[in-house]
Amino acid sequence: MGRVCVLVAMVLMFSALSLVTARYQARQLYNQLDRYKDSSQVLEIEWRRLQLDRAAESSNSKVDRLAREELKMIVIVPDRTVFVSQPAQAVSQSAQPGTAKSVEQAGGRGGPR
């Protein structure tokens, strides 16, 4: 009977230690889960902020301002527009069949098929 009591006491101690270890691990996992949730919320807020920044940076007024200030671009006005035209003789020569110009204008196919 004494051996059985010792054996039961040892199994009981082993069970108690296993229970303590399992609860400790569960508590550690819960704390880790809580930290991950906090991190997820921080990342979600950062994501939303970055989306707002992207929308602000790609707005038409922002692009227009950067083009004017950094690239020194200006708005095209009709007074500053220069149109270049070919002389009438060059236009009629380029339209004749078999010339290099007419082949290029036909899409480079080299004539009828």
C-alpha atoms as a PDB file:
ATOM      1  CA  MET A   1       0.000   0.000   0.000  1.00  0.00           C
ATOM      2  CA  GLY A   2       2.893   2.363   0.742  1.00  0.00           C
ATOM      3  CA  ARG A   3       4.287   1.945  -2.734  1.00  0.00           C
ATOM      4  CA  VAL A   4       0.935   2.717  -4.301  1.00  0.00           C
ATOM      5  CA  CYS A   5       0.669   5.930  -2.252  1.00  0.00           C
ATOM      6  CA  VAL A   6       4.162   6.995  -3.334  1.00  0.00           C
ATOM      7  CA  LEU A   7       3.316   6.191  -6.956  1.00  0.00           C
ATOM      8  CA  VAL A   8       0.036   8.155  -6.767  1.00  0.00           C
ATOM      9  CA  ALA A   9       1.850  11.086  -5.092  1.00  0.00           C
ATOM     10  CA  MET A  10       4.470  11.122  -7.873  1.00  0.00           C
ATOM     11  CA  VAL A  11       1.781  11.030 -10.597  1.00  0.00           C
ATOM     12  CA  LEU A  12      -0.077  13.812  -8.781  1.00  0.00           C
ATOM     13  CA  MET A  13       3.102  15.962  -8.598  1.00  0.00           C
ATOM     14  CA  PHE A  14       3.841  15.316 -12.277  1.00  0.00           C
ATOM     15  CA  SER A  15       0.252  16.270 -13.163  1.00  0.00           C
ATOM     16  CA  ALA A  16       0.474  19.455 -11.083  1.00  0.00           C
ATOM     17  CA  LEU A  17       3.764  20.483 -12.732  1.00  0.00           C
ATOM     18  CA  SER A  18       2.295  19.773 -16.171  1.00  0.00           C
ATOM     19  CA  LEU A  19      -0.728  21.931 -15.334  1.00  0.00           C
ATOM     20  CA  VAL A  20       1.477  24.820 -14.177  1.00  0.00           C
ATOM     21  CA  THR A  21       3.645  24.553 -17.300  1.00  0.00           C
ATOM     22  CA  ALA A  22       0.599  24.449 -19.596  1.00  0.00           C
ATOM     23  CA  ARG A  23      -0.955  27.502 -17.942  1.00  0.00           C
ATOM     24  CA  TYR A  24       2.343  29.398 -18.143  1.00  0.00           C
ATOM     25  CA  GLN A  25       2.657  28.622 -21.855  1.00  0.00           C
ATOM     26  CA  ALA A  26      -0.973  29.622 -22.446  1.00  0.00           C
ATOM     27  CA  ARG A  27      -0.356  32.926 -20.671  1.00  0.00           C
ATOM     28  CA  GLN A  28       2.788  33.541 -22.736  1.00  0.00           C
ATOM     29  CA  LEU A  29       0.898  32.815 -25.969  1.00  0.00           C
ATOM     30  CA  TYR A  30      -1.943  35.115 -24.954  1.00  0.00           C
ATOM     31  CA  ASN A  31       0.530  37.932 -24.225  1.00  0.00           C
ATOM     32  CA  GLN A  32       2.215  37.360 -27.567  1.00  0.00           C
ATOM     33  CA  LEU A  33      -1.178  37.435 -29.314  1.00  0.00           C
ATOM     34  CA  ASP A  34      -1.977  40.736 -27.586  1.00  0.00           C
ATOM     35  CA  ARG A  35       1.350  42.220 -28.739  1.00  0.00           C
ATOM     36  CA  TYR A  36       0.645  41.057 -32.306  1.00  0.00           C
ATOM     37  CA  LYS A  37      -2.805  42.650 -32.216  1.00  0.00           C
ATOM     38  CA  ASP A  38      -1.277  45.949 -31.057  1.00  0.00           C
ATOM     39  CA  SER A  39       1.318  45.722 -33.812  1.00  0.00           C
ATOM     40  CA  SER A  40      -1.425  44.974 -36.340  1.00  0.00           C
ATOM     41  CA  GLN A  41      -3.352  48.074 -35.290  1.00  0.00           C
ATOM     42  CA  VAL A  42      -0.228  50.235 -35.584  1.00  0.00           C
ATOM     43  CA  LEU A  43       0.464  48.843 -39.057  1.00  0.00           C
ATOM     44  CA  GLU A  44      -3.155  49.382 -40.109  1.00  0.00           C
ATOM     45  CA  ILE A  45      -2.968  53.027 -39.035  1.00  0.00           C
ATOM     46  CA  GLU A  46       0.339  53.428 -40.894  1.00  0.00           C
ATOM     47  CA  TRP A  47      -1.214  51.853 -44.018  1.00  0.00           C
ATOM     48  CA  ARG A  48      -4.126  54.285 -43.946  1.00  0.00           C
ATOM     49  CA  ARG A  49      -1.748  57.222 -43.475  1.00  0.00           C
ATOM     50  CA  LEU A  50       0.353  56.079 -46.433  1.00  0.00           C
ATOM     51  CA  GLN A  51      -2.745  55.762 -48.615  1.00  0.00           C
ATOM     52  CA  LEU A  52      -3.720  59.332 -47.708  1.00  0.00           C
ATOM     53  CA  ASP A  53      -0.194  60.539 -48.466  1.00  0.00           C
ATOM     54  CA  ARG A  54      -0.251  58.773 -51.836  1.00  0.00           C
ATOM     55  CA  ALA A  55      -3.589  60.350 -52.700  1.00  0.00           C
ATOM     56  CA  ALA A  56      -2.296  63.788 -51.689  1.00  0.00           C
ATOM     57  CA  GLU A  57       0.931  63.389 -53.662  1.00  0.00           C
ATOM     58  CA  SER A  58      -0.838  62.290 -56.816  1.00  0.00           C
ATOM     59  CA  SER A  59      -3.411  65.057 -56.841  1.00  0.00           C
ATOM     60  CA  ASN A  60      -3.494  67.238 -59.947  1.00  0.00           C
ATOM     61  CA  SER A  61      -2.531  70.383 -58.074  1.00  0.00           C
ATOM     62  CA  LYS A  62       0.514  68.699 -56.537  1.00  0.00           C
ATOM     63  CA  VAL A  63       1.688  67.354 -59.906  1.00  0.00           C
ATOM     64  CA  ASP A  64       1.076  70.741 -61.528  1.00  0.00           C
ATOM     65  CA  ARG A  65       3.032  72.552 -58.813  1.00  0.00           C
ATOM     66  CA  LEU A  66       5.976  70.137 -59.087  1.00  0.00           C
ATOM     67  CA  ALA A  67       6.014  70.480 -62.873  1.00  0.00           C
ATOM     68  CA  ARG A  68       6.103  74.263 -62.627  1.00  0.00           C
ATOM     69  CA  GLU A  69       8.579  74.628 -59.756  1.00  0.00           C
ATOM     70  CA  GLU A  70      11.025  71.753 -60.114  1.00  0.00           C
ATOM     71  CA  LEU A  71      10.874  71.000 -63.834  1.00  0.00           C
ATOM     72  CA  LYS A  72      10.335  74.632 -64.870  1.00  0.00           C
ATOM     73  CA  MET A  73       7.486  73.663 -67.205  1.00  0.00           C
ATOM     74  CA  ILE A  74       5.016  76.236 -68.462  1.00  0.00           C
ATOM     75  CA  VAL A  75       1.487  76.095 -69.773  1.00  0.00           C
ATOM     76  CA  ILE A  76       1.192  76.106 -73.554  1.00  0.00           C
ATOM     77  CA  VAL A  77      -0.466  79.223 -74.919  1.00  0.00           C
ATOM     78  CA  PRO A  78      -1.523  79.739 -78.548  1.00  0.00           C
ATOM     79  CA  ASP A  79       0.815  82.759 -78.891  1.00  0.00           C
ATOM     80  CA  ARG A  80       3.872  80.574 -78.290  1.00  0.00           C
ATOM     81  CA  THR A  81       2.803  77.638 -80.471  1.00  0.00           C
ATOM     82  CA  VAL A  82       4.783  77.155 -83.674  1.00  0.00           C
ATOM     83  CA  PHE A  83       3.298  75.026 -86.471  1.00  0.00           C
ATOM     84  CA  VAL A  84       5.662  73.531 -89.025  1.00  0.00           C
ATOM     85  CA  SER A  85       4.276  72.520 -92.375  1.00  0.00           C
ATOM     86  CA  GLN A  86       5.785  70.871 -95.456  1.00  0.00           C
ATOM     87  CA  PRO A  87       5.889  72.676 -98.760  1.00  0.00           C
ATOM     88  CA  ALA A  88       3.136  71.612-101.196  1.00  0.00           C
ATOM     89  CA  GLN A  89       5.629  69.995-103.588  1.00  0.00           C
ATOM     90  CA  ALA A  90       7.074  67.738-100.828  1.00  0.00           C
ATOM     91  CA  VAL A  91       3.590  66.653 -99.807  1.00  0.00           C
ATOM     92  CA  SER A  92       2.650  65.616-103.362  1.00  0.00           C
ATOM     93  CA  GLN A  93       5.916  63.665-103.800  1.00  0.00           C
ATOM     94  CA  SER A  94       5.448  61.769-100.567  1.00  0.00           C
ATOM     95  CA  ALA A  95       1.990  60.630-101.654  1.00  0.00           C
ATOM     96  CA  GLN A  96       3.204  58.997-104.916  1.00  0.00           C
ATOM     97  CA  PRO A  97       3.144  55.178-104.872  1.00  0.00           C
ATOM     98  CA  GLY A  98       6.486  53.416-104.595  1.00  0.00           C
ATOM     99  CA  THR A  99       8.353  56.192-102.800  1.00  0.00           C
ATOM    100  CA  ALA A 100       9.928  55.639 -99.424  1.00  0.00           C
ATOM    101  CA  LYS A 101       7.517  58.088 -97.787  1.00  0.00           C
ATOM    102  CA  SER A 102       4.427  56.297 -99.080  1.00  0.00           C
ATOM    103  CA  VAL A 103       5.799  52.941 -97.857  1.00  0.00           C
ATOM    104  CA  GLU A 104       6.376  54.394 -94.393  1.00  0.00           C
ATOM    105  CA  GLN A 105       2.917  55.949 -94.344  1.00  0.00           C
ATOM    106  CA  ALA A 106       1.355  52.633 -95.391  1.00  0.00           C
ATOM    107  CA  GLY A 107       2.752  51.040 -92.291  1.00  0.00           C
ATOM    108  CA  GLY A 108       5.949  49.674 -93.810  1.00  0.00           C
ATOM    109  CA  ARG A 109       4.187  46.876 -95.695  1.00  0.00           C
ATOM    110  CA  GLY A 110       5.938  47.570 -98.961  1.00  0.00           C
ATOM    111  CA  GLY A 111       2.942  47.886-101.227  1.00  0.00           C
ATOM    112  CA  PRO A 112      -0.345  46.082-101.962  1.00  0.00           C
ATOM    113  CA  ARG A 113      -0.794  42.429-101.150  1.00  0.00           C
END
